[in-house]
Amino acid sequence: MMDFIKKILGKGEQETLKEILKGDVFLVDARSPDEFASGTVVGAVNIPLGLITDQLTRFDAKKRIVVFCRSGMRSAQAKGILEKAGYSGVVNGGAWQKVQSEIK
């Protein structure tokens, strides 16, 4: 059961998140615009989970994509949507505060 939860939340990727964030990465906040406005990771774009499929072209030519949200659940779903659409190099960063702390 814990492996399933870790997979959903992307915990296996958390170990390398700091290294991933050092490279050229497209940072995507999957929260609502109001949540995004209240604080986010520097350099991130806001593409709410419900709009990911409508905005897939924004992910074209991106080699590394880190999606995040409040807790990691929406970003896990966003990661699944992107992978199903054929994008690779997608990482679930989990909570936006975690991503922000790894950048510092």
Protein backbone atom coordinates (compact mmCIF):
# COMPACT_ATOMS: atom_id res chain seq x y z
CA MET A 1 0.00 0.00 0.00
CA MET A 2 2.80 2.45 0.83
CA ASP A 3 4.41 1.82 -2.57
CA PHE A 4 1.13 2.76 -4.21
CA ILE A 5 0.91 5.98 -2.18
CA LYS A 6 4.55 6.80 -2.93
CA LYS A 7 3.91 6.26 -6.63
CA ILE A 8 0.83 8.49 -6.60
CA LEU A 9 2.64 11.26 -4.74
CA GLY A 10 5.84 10.80 -6.69
CA LYS A 11 7.91 10.20 -3.55
CA GLY A 12 10.50 8.18 -5.46
CA GLU A 13 11.20 11.27 -7.57
CA GLN A 14 11.56 13.51 -4.53
CA GLU A 15 15.02 12.07 -3.92
CA THR A 16 16.30 13.60 -7.15
CA LEU A 17 14.12 16.71 -7.26
CA LYS A 18 16.95 19.01 -6.15
CA GLU A 19 19.13 17.81 -9.04
CA ILE A 20 16.29 18.03 -11.55
CA LEU A 21 15.57 21.61 -10.53
CA LYS A 22 19.16 22.63 -11.26
CA GLY A 23 18.60 22.03 -14.96
CA ASP A 24 16.35 23.53 -17.60
CA VAL A 25 12.90 22.71 -16.27
CA PHE A 26 9.35 23.85 -17.03
CA LEU A 27 7.70 24.52 -13.65
CA VAL A 28 3.92 24.07 -13.64
CA ASP A 29 1.63 24.90 -10.72
CA ALA A 30 -1.52 22.79 -11.14
CA ARG A 31 -3.53 24.69 -8.52
CA SER A 32 -6.34 27.18 -9.12
CA PRO A 33 -5.52 30.76 -10.14
CA ASP A 34 -6.50 31.99 -6.66
CA GLU A 35 -4.15 29.49 -5.01
CA PHE A 36 -1.41 30.43 -7.46
CA ALA A 37 -1.88 34.13 -6.66
CA SER A 38 -1.44 33.43 -2.95
CA GLY A 39 2.11 32.14 -3.51
CA THR A 40 4.02 29.81 -5.79
CA VAL A 41 7.47 28.80 -6.97
CA VAL A 42 9.47 31.56 -8.65
CA GLY A 43 9.37 31.09 -12.41
CA ALA A 44 6.35 28.77 -12.40
CA VAL A 45 3.39 29.03 -14.74
CA ASN A 46 -0.15 28.35 -13.61
CA ILE A 47 -1.96 25.65 -15.56
CA PRO A 48 -4.78 24.36 -13.33
CA LEU A 49 -5.35 20.61 -13.42
CA GLY A 50 -8.68 20.98 -15.22
CA LEU A 51 -7.01 22.90 -18.06
CA ILE A 52 -3.98 20.66 -18.66
CA THR A 53 -5.53 18.76 -21.58
CA ASP A 54 -6.68 22.01 -23.21
CA GLN A 55 -3.17 23.47 -23.01
CA LEU A 56 -0.98 20.52 -24.02
CA THR A 57 0.85 22.56 -26.65
CA ARG A 58 2.42 24.61 -23.84
CA PHE A 59 4.37 21.47 -22.95
CA ASP A 60 5.76 20.86 -26.44
CA ALA A 61 9.56 20.88 -26.70
CA LYS A 62 9.94 20.81 -22.91
CA LYS A 63 12.54 18.22 -21.94
CA ARG A 64 11.84 18.32 -18.19
CA ILE A 65 8.53 19.24 -16.61
CA VAL A 66 7.95 19.52 -12.87
CA VAL A 67 4.31 19.75 -11.85
CA PHE A 68 3.26 20.61 -8.31
CA CYS A 69 0.25 21.73 -6.31
CA ARG A 70 -0.77 22.02 -2.66
CA SER A 71 -0.24 18.44 -1.56
CA GLY A 72 0.89 16.42 -4.56
CA MET A 73 -2.43 14.88 -5.50
CA ARG A 74 -3.36 17.20 -8.37
CA SER A 75 0.22 17.18 -9.62
CA ALA A 76 0.13 13.38 -9.65
CA GLN A 77 -2.98 13.55 -11.81
CA ALA A 78 -1.37 16.19 -14.04
CA LYS A 79 1.69 13.97 -14.46
CA GLY A 80 -0.55 11.09 -15.51
CA ILE A 81 -2.40 13.25 -18.05
CA LEU A 82 0.86 14.48 -19.55
CA GLU A 83 2.40 11.01 -19.75
CA LYS A 84 -0.76 9.61 -21.32
CA ALA A 85 -0.54 12.40 -23.91
CA GLY A 86 2.99 11.25 -24.75
CA TYR A 87 5.15 13.66 -22.77
CA SER A 88 8.20 12.26 -21.05
CA GLY A 89 10.47 13.78 -18.45
CA VAL A 90 7.51 14.68 -16.24
CA VAL A 91 8.13 14.78 -12.49
CA ASN A 92 5.59 15.16 -9.71
CA GLY A 93 7.23 17.72 -7.45
CA GLY A 94 4.51 17.33 -4.81
CA ALA A 95 3.71 20.37 -2.70
CA TRP A 96 4.77 23.75 -4.08
CA GLN A 97 6.57 24.58 -0.82
CA LYS A 98 8.70 21.45 -1.25
CA VAL A 99 9.68 22.50 -4.77
CA GLN A 100 10.44 26.02 -3.59
CA SER A 101 12.63 24.74 -0.73
CA GLU A 102 14.60 22.51 -3.13
CA ILE A 103 15.35 25.48 -5.38
CA LYS A 104 16.86 27.54 -2.56
